[in-house]
Each structure stands twice: as structure tokens, then as C-alpha cells.
C-alpha atoms as a PDB file:
ATOM      1  CA  MET A   1     -72.145  79.670  31.946  1.00  0.00           C
ATOM      2  CA  GLU A   2     -68.931  79.795  34.182  1.00  0.00           C
ATOM      3  CA  LEU A   3     -65.761  80.151  32.542  1.00  0.00           C
ATOM      4  CA  ILE A   4     -62.627  78.326  33.745  1.00  0.00           C
ATOM      5  CA  GLU A   5     -59.312  78.534  32.347  1.00  0.00           C
ATOM      6  CA  PHE A   6     -57.311  75.286  32.750  1.00  0.00           C
ATOM      7  CA  ASP A   7     -53.366  74.990  32.909  1.00  0.00           C
ATOM      8  CA  TRP A   8     -53.102  71.434  34.020  1.00  0.00           C
ATOM      9  CA  GLU A   9     -52.531  69.219  30.955  1.00  0.00           C
ATOM     10  CA  GLY A  10     -53.470  65.693  30.518  1.00  0.00           C
ATOM     11  CA  CYS A  11     -56.074  65.307  33.389  1.00  0.00           C
ATOM     12  CA  ARG A  12     -59.655  64.014  32.441  1.00  0.00           C
ATOM     13  CA  ILE A  13     -62.323  66.684  32.644  1.00  0.00           C
ATOM     14  CA  ASP A  14     -64.553  64.773  34.891  1.00  0.00           C
ATOM     15  CA  ILE A  15     -61.730  64.170  37.409  1.00  0.00           C
ATOM     16  CA  PHE A  16     -60.757  67.921  37.155  1.00  0.00           C
ATOM     17  CA  LEU A  17     -64.328  69.205  37.741  1.00  0.00           C
ATOM     18  CA  ALA A  18     -64.896  66.781  40.753  1.00  0.00           C
ATOM     19  CA  LYS A  19     -61.708  67.896  42.552  1.00  0.00           C
ATOM     20  CA  LYS A  20     -62.421  71.708  41.801  1.00  0.00           C
ATOM     21  CA  PHE A  21     -66.059  71.793  43.022  1.00  0.00           C
ATOM     22  CA  GLY A  22     -65.913  68.661  45.682  1.00  0.00           C
ATOM     23  CA  LEU A  23     -68.772  66.817  44.023  1.00  0.00           C
ATOM     24  CA  SER A  24     -68.916  63.381  42.466  1.00  0.00           C
ATOM     25  CA  ARG A  25     -67.618  62.471  39.027  1.00  0.00           C
ATOM     26  CA  ASN A  26     -70.929  60.902  38.353  1.00  0.00           C
ATOM     27  CA  PHE A  27     -72.561  64.254  39.162  1.00  0.00           C
ATOM     28  CA  PHE A  28     -70.406  65.832  36.176  1.00  0.00           C
ATOM     29  CA  HIS A  29     -70.982  62.878  33.934  1.00  0.00           C
ATOM     30  CA  HIS A  30     -74.909  63.795  33.956  1.00  0.00           C
ATOM     31  CA  LEU A  31     -73.801  67.461  33.190  1.00  0.00           C
ATOM     32  CA  ILE A  32     -71.645  66.428  30.259  1.00  0.00           C
ATOM     33  CA  GLN A  33     -74.506  64.235  29.004  1.00  0.00           C
ATOM     34  CA  ARG A  34     -76.685  67.212  29.028  1.00  0.00           C
ATOM     35  CA  TRP A  35     -74.174  69.342  26.999  1.00  0.00           C
ATOM     36  CA  SER A  36     -73.963  71.681  30.040  1.00  0.00           C
ATOM     37  CA  VAL A  37     -70.270  71.482  29.791  1.00  0.00           C
ATOM     38  CA  LYS A  38     -68.130  72.797  26.948  1.00  0.00           C
ATOM     39  CA  VAL A  39     -64.441  73.065  26.028  1.00  0.00           C
ATOM     40  CA  ASN A  40     -63.357  75.714  23.986  1.00  0.00           C
ATOM     41  CA  ASP A  41     -67.181  76.311  23.076  1.00  0.00           C
ATOM     42  CA  ASN A  42     -67.528  72.648  21.899  1.00  0.00           C
ATOM     43  CA  ASN A  43     -69.526  69.777  23.480  1.00  0.00           C
ATOM     44  CA  THR A  44     -67.239  67.266  25.328  1.00  0.00           C
ATOM     45  CA  LYS A  45     -66.964  63.778  26.588  1.00  0.00           C
ATOM     46  CA  LYS A  46     -66.193  62.756  30.083  1.00  0.00           C
ATOM     47  CA  SER A  47     -63.042  61.033  29.134  1.00  0.00           C
ATOM     48  CA  TYR A  48     -61.655  64.153  27.508  1.00  0.00           C
ATOM     49  CA  GLN A  49     -58.150  65.112  28.413  1.00  0.00           C
ATOM     50  CA  LEU A  50     -57.531  68.629  28.964  1.00  0.00           C
ATOM     51  CA  LYS A  51     -54.853  70.521  27.182  1.00  0.00           C
ATOM     52  CA  LEU A  52     -52.807  73.770  28.248  1.00  0.00           C
ATOM     53  CA  LYS A  53     -55.241  76.803  28.111  1.00  0.00           C
ATOM     54  CA  ASP A  54     -58.443  74.964  27.414  1.00  0.00           C
ATOM     55  CA  LYS A  55     -61.390  77.045  28.515  1.00  0.00           C
ATOM     56  CA  ILE A  56     -64.030  75.128  30.156  1.00  0.00           C
ATOM     57  CA  GLN A  57     -67.623  76.485  30.245  1.00  0.00           C
ATOM     58  CA  ILE A  58     -70.092  74.946  32.689  1.00  0.00           C
ATOM     59  CA  GLU A  59     -73.549  75.456  33.263  1.00  0.00           C
ATOM     60  CA  ASP A  60     -74.691  77.017  36.723  1.00  0.00           C
ATOM     61  CA  PHE A  61     -75.140  73.736  38.470  1.00  0.00           C
ATOM     62  CA  GLN A  62     -75.734  75.312  41.828  1.00  0.00           C
ATOM     63  CA  ARG A  63     -79.530  75.447  40.881  1.00  0.00           C
ATOM     64  CA  PHE A  64     -79.596  71.610  41.054  1.00  0.00           C
ATOM     65  CA  ASP A  65     -79.209  71.928  44.751  1.00  0.00           C
ATOM     66  CA  SER A  66     -82.449  73.918  45.000  1.00  0.00           C
ATOM     67  CA  CYS A  67     -86.145  72.883  45.011  1.00  0.00           C
ATOM     68  CA  SER A  68     -86.526  75.279  42.046  1.00  0.00           C
ATOM     69  CA  ILE A  69     -85.274  72.466  39.751  1.00  0.00           C
ATOM     70  CA  MET A  70     -88.679  70.914  40.329  1.00  0.00           C
ATOM     71  CA  GLN A  71     -90.039  73.584  37.953  1.00  0.00           C
ATOM     72  CA  GLU A  72     -88.853  71.455  35.211  1.00  0.00           C
ATOM     73  CA  SER A  73     -91.202  68.365  36.207  1.00  0.00           C
ATOM     74  CA  PRO A  74     -94.158  67.659  34.231  1.00  0.00           C
ATOM     75  CA  ASN A  75     -97.332  69.516  35.731  1.00  0.00           C
ATOM     76  CA  ILE A  76     -99.468  66.445  35.785  1.00  0.00           C
ATOM     77  CA  ASP A  77    -102.784  65.854  37.253  1.00  0.00           C
ATOM     78  CA  LEU A  78    -103.430  62.978  40.110  1.00  0.00           C
ATOM     79  CA  GLU A  79    -106.599  61.823  41.514  1.00  0.00           C
ATOM     80  CA  VAL A  80    -106.806  62.693  45.134  1.00  0.00           C
ATOM     81  CA  LYS A  81    -108.857  59.990  46.986  1.00  0.00           C
ATOM     82  CA  LEU A  82    -108.879  61.747  50.493  1.00  0.00           C
ATOM     83  CA  GLU A  83    -107.572  64.963  51.783  1.00  0.00           C
ATOM     84  CA  LYS A  84    -107.141  66.487  55.391  1.00  0.00           C
ATOM     85  CA  SER A  85    -105.250  69.382  56.786  1.00  0.00           C
ATOM     86  CA  ASP A  86    -102.277  67.052  57.765  1.00  0.00           C
ATOM     87  CA  TYR A  87    -102.142  64.452  54.949  1.00  0.00           C
ATOM     88  CA  MET A  88    -103.897  63.374  51.727  1.00  0.00           C
ATOM     89  CA  VAL A  89    -104.311  59.822  49.876  1.00  0.00           C
ATOM     90  CA  LEU A  90    -103.861  59.904  46.398  1.00  0.00           C
ATOM     91  CA  TYR A  91    -103.852  57.404  43.474  1.00  0.00           C
ATOM     92  CA  LYS A  92    -100.578  56.766  41.536  1.00  0.00           C
ATOM     93  CA  PRO A  93    -100.999  55.347  38.052  1.00  0.00           C
ATOM     94  CA  LYS A  94     -98.387  53.136  36.260  1.00  0.00           C
ATOM     95  CA  TRP A  95     -95.537  54.702  34.638  1.00  0.00           C
ATOM     96  CA  VAL A  96     -95.585  57.678  37.077  1.00  0.00           C
ATOM     97  CA  LEU A  97     -92.598  57.720  39.363  1.00  0.00           C
ATOM     98  CA  SER A  98     -93.034  58.052  43.144  1.00  0.00           C
ATOM     99  CA  HIS A  99     -90.097  60.416  42.939  1.00  0.00           C
ATOM    100  CA  PRO A 100     -87.349  61.346  40.600  1.00  0.00           C
ATOM    101  CA  TRP A 101     -84.203  58.930  41.492  1.00  0.00           C
ATOM    102  CA  SER A 102     -82.093  61.904  40.925  1.00  0.00           C
ATOM    103  CA  ILE A 103     -82.197  65.305  39.317  1.00  0.00           C
ATOM    104  CA  TRP A 104     -81.532  63.654  35.956  1.00  0.00           C
ATOM    105  CA  ASP A 105     -85.223  62.262  36.331  1.00  0.00           C
ATOM    106  CA  ILE A 106     -86.842  65.558  36.951  1.00  0.00           C
ATOM    107  CA  SER A 107     -88.301  65.683  33.372  1.00  0.00           C
ATOM    108  CA  SER A 108     -90.280  62.486  34.050  1.00  0.00           C
ATOM    109  CA  PRO A 109     -93.963  62.635  35.401  1.00  0.00           C
ATOM    110  CA  SER A 110     -93.699  61.948  39.237  1.00  0.00           C
ATOM    111  CA  VAL A 111     -95.716  62.209  42.247  1.00  0.00           C
ATOM    112  CA  THR A 112     -93.509  64.710  43.758  1.00  0.00           C
ATOM    113  CA  GLY A 113     -93.593  66.796  40.421  1.00  0.00           C
ATOM    114  CA  PHE A 114     -97.570  66.811  40.804  1.00  0.00           C
ATOM    115  CA  LEU A 115     -96.959  67.870  44.592  1.00  0.00           C
ATOM    116  CA  TYR A 116     -94.665  70.534  43.664  1.00  0.00           C
ATOM    117  CA  HIS A 117     -96.869  72.275  41.211  1.00  0.00           C
ATOM    118  CA  LYS A 118    -100.089  71.783  43.520  1.00  0.00           C
ATOM    119  CA  TYR A 119     -98.790  72.214  46.942  1.00  0.00           C
ATOM    120  CA  LYS A 120     -95.696  74.261  48.353  1.00  0.00           C
ATOM    121  CA  ASP A 121     -93.224  73.576  51.175  1.00  0.00           C
ATOM    122  CA  LEU A 122     -94.233  70.004  51.880  1.00  0.00           C
ATOM    123  CA  PRO A 123     -92.001  68.290  54.629  1.00  0.00           C
ATOM    124  CA  SER A 124     -89.273  65.611  53.444  1.00  0.00           C
ATOM    125  CA  ILE A 125     -87.464  62.624  55.234  1.00  0.00           C
ATOM    126  CA  TRP A 126     -84.685  63.036  52.605  1.00  0.00           C
ATOM    127  CA  ASN A 127     -84.630  66.081  50.329  1.00  0.00           C
ATOM    128  CA  PHE A 128     -86.742  68.290  48.162  1.00  0.00           C
ATOM    129  CA  ILE A 129     -86.927  65.828  45.458  1.00  0.00           C
ATOM    130  CA  ARG A 130     -89.019  63.654  47.763  1.00  0.00           C
ATOM    131  CA  ALA A 131     -90.964  66.164  49.501  1.00  0.00           C
ATOM    132  CA  GLY A 132     -94.326  64.863  50.759  1.00  0.00           C
ATOM    133  CA  LEU A 133     -93.371  61.117  50.527  1.00  0.00           C
ATOM    134  CA  ILE A 134     -93.117  58.866  53.354  1.00  0.00           C
ATOM    135  CA  HIS A 135     -93.330  55.672  51.297  1.00  0.00           C
ATOM    136  CA  ARG A 136     -93.207  54.921  47.560  1.00  0.00           C
ATOM    137  CA  LEU A 137     -94.429  52.592  44.733  1.00  0.00           C
ATOM    138  CA  ASP A 138     -92.475  51.136  41.940  1.00  0.00           C
ATOM    139  CA  LYS A 139     -92.846  53.021  38.430  1.00  0.00           C
ATOM    140  CA  ASN A 140     -94.805  50.150  37.017  1.00  0.00           C
ATOM    141  CA  THR A 141     -97.117  49.729  40.149  1.00  0.00           C
ATOM    142  CA  ASP A 142    -100.231  51.539  40.510  1.00  0.00           C
ATOM    143  CA  GLY A 143    -102.260  52.291  43.828  1.00  0.00           C
ATOM    144  CA  LEU A 144    -102.789  54.483  46.737  1.00  0.00           C
ATOM    145  CA  MET A 145     -99.949  56.397  48.500  1.00  0.00           C
ATOM    146  CA  ILE A 146    -100.096  58.499  51.596  1.00  0.00           C
ATOM    147  CA  ILE A 147     -98.812  62.094  51.433  1.00  0.00           C
ATOM    148  CA  VAL A 148     -97.676  64.155  54.150  1.00  0.00           C
ATOM    149  CA  LYS A 149     -98.470  67.799  54.412  1.00  0.00           C
ATOM    150  CA  THR A 150     -97.157  68.998  57.795  1.00  0.00           C
ATOM    151  CA  GLU A 151     -94.184  68.266  60.040  1.00  0.00           C
ATOM    152  CA  ALA A 152     -96.420  67.094  62.723  1.00  0.00           C
ATOM    153  CA  TRP A 153     -97.944  64.228  60.460  1.00  0.00           C
ATOM    154  CA  LEU A 154     -94.578  63.494  59.125  1.00  0.00           C
ATOM    155  CA  ALA A 155     -93.144  62.777  62.596  1.00  0.00           C
ATOM    156  CA  TYR A 156     -96.287  60.895  63.662  1.00  0.00           C
ATOM    157  CA  PHE A 157     -96.050  58.605  60.399  1.00  0.00           C
ATOM    158  CA  LYS A 158     -92.302  58.217  60.851  1.00  0.00           C
ATOM    159  CA  ASN A 159     -93.166  56.575  64.242  1.00  0.00           C
ATOM    160  CA  LEU A 160     -95.632  54.303  62.791  1.00  0.00           C
ATOM    161  CA  PHE A 161     -93.077  53.090  60.273  1.00  0.00           C
ATOM    162  CA  ARG A 162     -90.506  52.799  62.996  1.00  0.00           C
ATOM    163  CA  TRP A 163     -92.747  50.719  65.220  1.00  0.00           C
ATOM    164  CA  LYS A 164     -93.609  48.466  62.454  1.00  0.00           C
ATOM    165  CA  SER A 165     -90.160  47.939  61.229  1.00  0.00           C
ATOM    166  CA  GLU A 166     -88.761  47.490  64.929  1.00  0.00           C
ATOM    167  CA  SER A 167     -91.301  45.046  66.220  1.00  0.00           C
ATOM    168  CA  ILE A 168     -89.684  41.751  66.063  1.00  0.00           C
ATOM    169  CA  SER A 169     -92.657  39.100  65.914  1.00  0.00           C
ATOM    170  CA  ILE A 170     -95.489  38.749  63.394  1.00  0.00           C
ATOM    171  CA  GLU A 171     -97.859  39.343  66.257  1.00  0.00           C
ATOM    172  CA  GLU A 172     -96.343  42.657  67.186  1.00  0.00           C
ATOM    173  CA  LYS A 173     -96.285  43.757  63.552  1.00  0.00           C
ATOM    174  CA  GLU A 174     -99.817  42.904  63.028  1.00  0.00           C
ATOM    175  CA  LYS A 175    -100.738  45.148  66.124  1.00  0.00           C
ATOM    176  CA  VAL A 176     -99.440  48.261  64.495  1.00  0.00           C
ATOM    177  CA  GLN A 177    -102.386  50.272  63.037  1.00  0.00           C
ATOM    178  CA  LEU A 178    -100.712  50.799  59.633  1.00  0.00           C
ATOM    179  CA  LYS A 179    -101.439  48.410  56.945  1.00  0.00           C
ATOM    180  CA  LYS A 180    -100.744  48.085  52.981  1.00  0.00           C
ATOM    181  CA  PHE A 181    -102.783  45.621  50.910  1.00  0.00           C
ATOM    182  CA  TYR A 182    -101.677  44.665  47.320  1.00  0.00           C
ATOM    183  CA  ARG A 183    -103.281  42.496  44.658  1.00  0.00           C
ATOM    184  CA  ALA A 184    -101.133  40.631  42.035  1.00  0.00           C
ATOM    185  CA  ASN A 185    -102.083  38.668  39.131  1.00  0.00           C
ATOM    186  CA  VAL A 186     -99.359  35.938  39.025  1.00  0.00           C
ATOM    187  CA  ASN A 187     -98.450  33.391  36.378  1.00  0.00           C
ATOM    188  CA  LEU A 188     -99.370  29.734  36.653  1.00  0.00           C
ATOM    189  CA  THR A 189     -96.053  28.063  36.431  1.00  0.00           C
ATOM    190  CA  LYS A 190     -95.507  24.376  36.890  1.00  0.00           C
ATOM    191  CA  GLU A 191     -94.874  24.498  40.500  1.00  0.00           C
ATOM    192  CA  TRP A 192     -97.463  26.912  41.504  1.00  0.00           C
ATOM    193  CA  LYS A 193    -100.184  24.320  42.257  1.00  0.00           C
ATOM    194  CA  LYS A 194     -97.833  22.254  44.404  1.00  0.00           C
ATOM    195  CA  PHE A 195     -97.142  25.334  46.356  1.00  0.00           C
ATOM    196  CA  LEU A 196    -100.602  26.460  46.924  1.00  0.00           C
ATOM    197  CA  ASP A 197    -101.858  22.924  47.757  1.00  0.00           C
ATOM    198  CA  SER A 198     -99.249  22.812  50.386  1.00  0.00           C
ATOM    199  CA  ILE A 199    -100.741  25.816  52.269  1.00  0.00           C
ATOM    200  CA  THR A 200    -103.025  24.156  54.956  1.00  0.00           C
ATOM    201  CA  GLN A 201    -104.591  27.525  56.202  1.00  0.00           C
ATOM    202  CA  PHE A 202    -104.624  31.319  55.408  1.00  0.00           C
ATOM    203  CA  PRO A 203    -103.343  33.462  56.140  1.00  0.00           C
ATOM    204  CA  TYR A 204     -99.998  32.282  54.871  1.00  0.00           C
ATOM    205  CA  TYR A 205     -96.616  34.207  55.739  1.00  0.00           C
ATOM    206  CA  ILE A 206     -93.673  33.979  53.545  1.00  0.00           C
ATOM    207  CA  GLN A 207     -90.869  34.759  55.709  1.00  0.00           C
ATOM    208  CA  SER A 208     -87.067  34.850  54.712  1.00  0.00           C
ATOM    209  CA  ILE A 209     -83.899  36.871  54.960  1.00  0.00           C
ATOM    210  CA  VAL A 210     -82.883  37.779  51.281  1.00  0.00           C
ATOM    211  CA  LYS A 211     -80.892  40.401  49.306  1.00  0.00           C
ATOM    212  CA  THR A 212     -82.830  41.299  46.081  1.00  0.00           C
ATOM    213  CA  LYS A 213     -81.793  42.116  42.649  1.00  0.00           C
ATOM    214  CA  TRP A 214     -80.416  45.749  41.596  1.00  0.00           C
ATOM    215  CA  VAL A 215     -81.111  47.020  45.096  1.00  0.00           C
ATOM    216  CA  TYR A 216     -78.012  48.090  46.992  1.00  0.00           C
ATOM    217  CA  LEU A 217     -78.564  46.864  50.497  1.00  0.00           C
ATOM    218  CA  LYS A 218     -75.682  46.879  53.074  1.00  0.00           C
ATOM    219  CA  GLU A 219     -77.118  43.900  55.053  1.00  0.00           C
ATOM    220  CA  TYR A 220     -79.443  41.110  54.696  1.00  0.00           C
ATOM    221  CA  LYS A 221     -82.686  41.678  56.243  1.00  0.00           C
ATOM    222  CA  GLU A 222     -85.848  39.571  56.944  1.00  0.00           C
ATOM    223  CA  TRP A 223     -88.924  40.143  54.798  1.00  0.00           C
ATOM    224  CA  ILE A 224     -92.348  39.101  55.720  1.00  0.00           C
ATOM    225  CA  THR A 225     -95.114  38.830  53.283  1.00  0.00           C
ATOM    226  CA  LYS A 226     -98.639  37.743  54.161  1.00  0.00           C
ATOM    227  CA  ILE A 227    -100.987  35.982  51.714  1.00  0.00           C
ATOM    228  CA  PHE A 228    -104.595  35.865  52.739  1.00  0.00           C
ATOM    229  CA  TRP A 229    -106.663  34.998  49.623  1.00  0.00           C
ATOM    230  CA  TYR A 230    -106.027  33.813  46.190  1.00  0.00           C
ATOM    231  CA  LYS A 231    -108.356  32.801  43.081  1.00  0.00           C
ATOM    232  CA  ASN A 232    -107.953  31.064  39.876  1.00  0.00           C
ATOM    233  CA  ILE A 233    -108.723  33.156  36.929  1.00  0.00           C
ATOM    234  CA  ASP A 234    -108.245  31.582  33.619  1.00  0.00           C
ATOM    235  CA  LYS A 235    -104.607  31.190  33.116  1.00  0.00           C
ATOM    236  CA  TRP A 236    -103.704  33.341  35.985  1.00  0.00           C
ATOM    237  CA  VAL A 237    -104.073  33.515  39.906  1.00  0.00           C
ATOM    238  CA  LEU A 238    -105.218  36.565  41.620  1.00  0.00           C
ATOM    239  CA  VAL A 239    -103.458  36.961  44.992  1.00  0.00           C
ATOM    240  CA  ASP A 240    -104.188  39.255  47.809  1.00  0.00           C
ATOM    241  CA  ILE A 241    -101.277  40.295  49.984  1.00  0.00           C
ATOM    242  CA  GLU A 242    -100.423  42.410  53.040  1.00  0.00           C
ATOM    243  CA  ILE A 243     -96.816  43.297  53.546  1.00  0.00           C
ATOM    244  CA  LEU A 244     -95.522  43.297  57.160  1.00  0.00           C
ATOM    245  CA  THR A 245     -92.108  44.781  56.176  1.00  0.00           C
ATOM    246  CA  TRP A 246     -91.365  47.505  53.655  1.00  0.00           C
ATOM    247  CA  ARG A 247     -88.609  46.198  51.467  1.00  0.00           C
ATOM    248  CA  THR A 248     -87.955  47.462  47.853  1.00  0.00           C
ATOM    249  CA  HIS A 249     -89.213  44.760  45.318  1.00  0.00           C
ATOM    250  CA  GLN A 250     -90.501  42.648  48.548  1.00  0.00           C
ATOM    251  CA  ILE A 251     -93.619  41.388  46.943  1.00  0.00           C
ATOM    252  CA  ARG A 252     -92.225  40.734  43.478  1.00  0.00           C
ATOM    253  CA  TYR A 253     -89.069  38.781  44.954  1.00  0.00           C
ATOM    254  CA  HIS A 254     -91.168  36.653  47.463  1.00  0.00           C
ATOM    255  CA  LEU A 255     -93.941  35.647  44.692  1.00  0.00           C
ATOM    256  CA  SER A 256     -91.212  34.613  42.389  1.00  0.00           C
ATOM    257  CA  GLN A 257     -89.497  32.527  45.060  1.00  0.00           C
ATOM    258  CA  VAL A 258     -92.644  30.499  45.532  1.00  0.00           C
ATOM    259  CA  TRP A 259     -93.086  30.055  41.700  1.00  0.00           C
ATOM    260  CA  LEU A 260     -95.965  32.743  41.308  1.00  0.00           C
ATOM    261  CA  PRO A 261     -93.954  35.544  39.375  1.00  0.00           C
ATOM    262  CA  ILE A 262     -96.096  38.511  38.698  1.00  0.00           C
ATOM    263  CA  VAL A 263     -97.451  38.903  35.175  1.00  0.00           C
ATOM    264  CA  TRP A 264     -95.070  41.423  33.288  1.00  0.00           C
ATOM    265  CA  ASP A 265     -92.635  41.595  36.004  1.00  0.00           C
ATOM    266  CA  ASP A 266     -89.616  42.934  34.044  1.00  0.00           C
ATOM    267  CA  LEU A 267     -87.340  41.860  36.768  1.00  0.00           C
ATOM    268  CA  TYR A 268     -88.459  38.469  38.025  1.00  0.00           C
ATOM    269  CA  TRP A 269     -90.410  37.019  34.986  1.00  0.00           C
ATOM    270  CA  MET A 270     -89.766  38.565  31.648  1.00  0.00           C
ATOM    271  CA  TRP A 271     -88.971  42.067  30.113  1.00  0.00           C
ATOM    272  CA  GLU A 272     -92.088  43.473  28.166  1.00  0.00           C
ATOM    273  CA  ASN A 273     -92.802  47.220  27.914  1.00  0.00           C
ATOM    274  CA  VAL A 274     -96.282  46.754  29.499  1.00  0.00           C
ATOM    275  CA  PRO A 275     -97.542  47.576  33.195  1.00  0.00           C
ATOM    276  CA  MET A 276     -96.742  45.008  35.671  1.00  0.00           C
ATOM    277  CA  TRP A 277     -99.915  43.406  37.283  1.00  0.00           C
ATOM    278  CA  LEU A 278     -99.561  44.612  40.850  1.00  0.00           C
ATOM    279  CA  THR A 279    -101.705  47.330  42.611  1.00  0.00           C
ATOM    280  CA  SER A 280    -101.669  48.828  46.068  1.00  0.00           C
ATOM    281  CA  TYR A 281    -105.399  48.671  46.272  1.00  0.00           C
ATOM    282  CA  ARG A 282    -106.007  49.450  50.089  1.00  0.00           C
ATOM    283  CA  LEU A 283    -104.525  51.344  52.984  1.00  0.00           C
ATOM    284  CA  GLU A 284    -105.576  51.251  56.584  1.00  0.00           C
ATOM    285  CA  PHE A 285    -103.914  53.364  59.400  1.00  0.00           C
ATOM    286  CA  MET A 286    -104.737  55.338  62.492  1.00  0.00           C
ATOM    287  CA  ASP A 287    -104.292  59.002  62.005  1.00  0.00           C
ATOM    288  CA  ASN A 288    -103.108  61.541  64.588  1.00  0.00           C
ATOM    289  CA  GLU A 289    -106.505  62.562  65.289  1.00  0.00           C
ATOM    290  CA  TRP A 290    -107.170  58.835  66.331  1.00  0.00           C
ATOM    291  CA  GLU A 291    -109.479  58.211  63.326  1.00  0.00           C
ATOM    292  CA  TYR A 292    -108.768  54.934  61.796  1.00  0.00           C
ATOM    293  CA  VAL A 293    -108.959  55.242  58.007  1.00  0.00           C
ATOM    294  CA  THR A 294    -109.568  52.617  55.615  1.00  0.00           C
ATOM    295  CA  ILE A 295    -109.528  53.572  51.849  1.00  0.00           C
ATOM    296  CA  SER A 296    -109.607  51.247  48.695  1.00  0.00           C
ATOM    297  CA  ILE A 297    -109.872  51.441  45.032  1.00  0.00           C
END
């Protein structure tokens, strides 16, 4: 613990620490919540107003800037469906994070936690918390994920994503040899039959410019979701989907907008502590050795 002697009376402790170390107040809020900051040997609150000669004890937080913090992540086992020298495809179960949202989620089971314990020095687009990832699945969505193992594959796959993202028309996006397929069980709302009956042919494209809930987007973007098959099953409808754009909550939002909310979707239908019925069940892509890979669960 680092010991800091304070001599500026009346300043909130979170403001003082943020100014002293050049980090955000929110960063120190998390430290305080973890009892990693003490004043005069006592736990404190973020709103505490410092007094003359207070002695602040603070945990060595520099370790949170190093990948060694991943040692605190659970060492879980995940099923690897396909593994090559440059990449792998694995199955992520429901309730497992793709990656911790911040260092404060490190203790939750995650794909990157699995990767940290089983593989080392994987490349990352963002930082060590996302090492190996080039895409993600929601915590309560299960399914297939591609993991990169080398910088060469990361660069190749980034170009595929960029090509898909920057293509303007549906026709151009369809030509990109990178496809992600999902299967959802959706609720039969009063309006569902009207919507499905209005579809004269498949595939059917839901195309709109939106901004979804709980997602901090700086601008509105176009989302394109392709419905290519559905089947009535008892009181639900089973829907097969391909996404042509990759936006957070895209499938959940688009299906809810056409009166087909996914069963147990806690954001667009109702809150229940049960898995959402959405699975990423198939991936297709051309790898960097010109092999077209198709893998399903």
C-alpha cells in the first residue's frame, strides 16, 4: 500500500486521487468499493472530505494496467470446435462473458479468461482484456466465436470486417466471405402473424437506421438483419437469421421492432434470470490460406 499524507482540507477523496494520478474519478470509485483505499487505516467512501494530516493508504493500482491482472480470472474450460495455427473457433456458453467490460469484471468467467490461462501473448485490437477477440457475443447469448492467435490473422480478419462494414449495398455485403448465422426463439405477440404474413418471399431484410438502448453510440447507423427461415413451434416461432452489419444488440432490437421479441430477452421483452433464447449457431468464412470454413453446432 502506498502512503500519502494530505494537507488540503475539504477536498473529496475521489477528486484528489484523480488529480494526483491523472486517472478518472470512476477508476478510484472502483478502488474504494473494493476497500483498496483507506484513510487513517479505515475504509472510506468516495464522498469523504479530506481533513488536514489525513493519511491515505492506496493499493498498488498500477498492476491493473498489466495483463497480469488476468490471473484473477477464473480458469474455466471451453469447447474448441476447430483449431489451426493462426486461429480457432470455440463455443461460448450462456452466462460467460466474451471479455470483462473492465478490470472490475475480471473475476467473472470469460472467454478471454479462458484464453489467458490456456494461451499466451494473443494479439488484441483493443487491450489485454480483449486479447484474441475480433468479435463478441452478449453474456446471455451462446454460440461460436472466432479467436485469433497471430498478428497476421488479426490483420486479415480486420480487413474482412472492414470490407463488410464499408460495403454500401446489400449485394456488396453478401459477397464478403464472412457470415454469422443466429437462431432465435421468439414470442408470438399479437402482431407477429401480421408481420410474417406480409413477407412475400425469403430472405427478408430488416433495414433501418437506429440507436439502441443502453448502448453509447455517437451516431446513428444503418443496421441490416436478414431473416431467411422461420418455423412455428408450439407457442413460439423459431427464426434463422444472418446479420449483414454487426451492431450491439442488433438482432434483439430488430426482432423486437417487428413484434417478435426473443424469449427471455431482459432488455426488449421482460426481465428474468434465465438464458435468452438466442444462439450463434454457424460461422462461414474464407481463411487466410484460401480455405472456405463452415462450422455449425
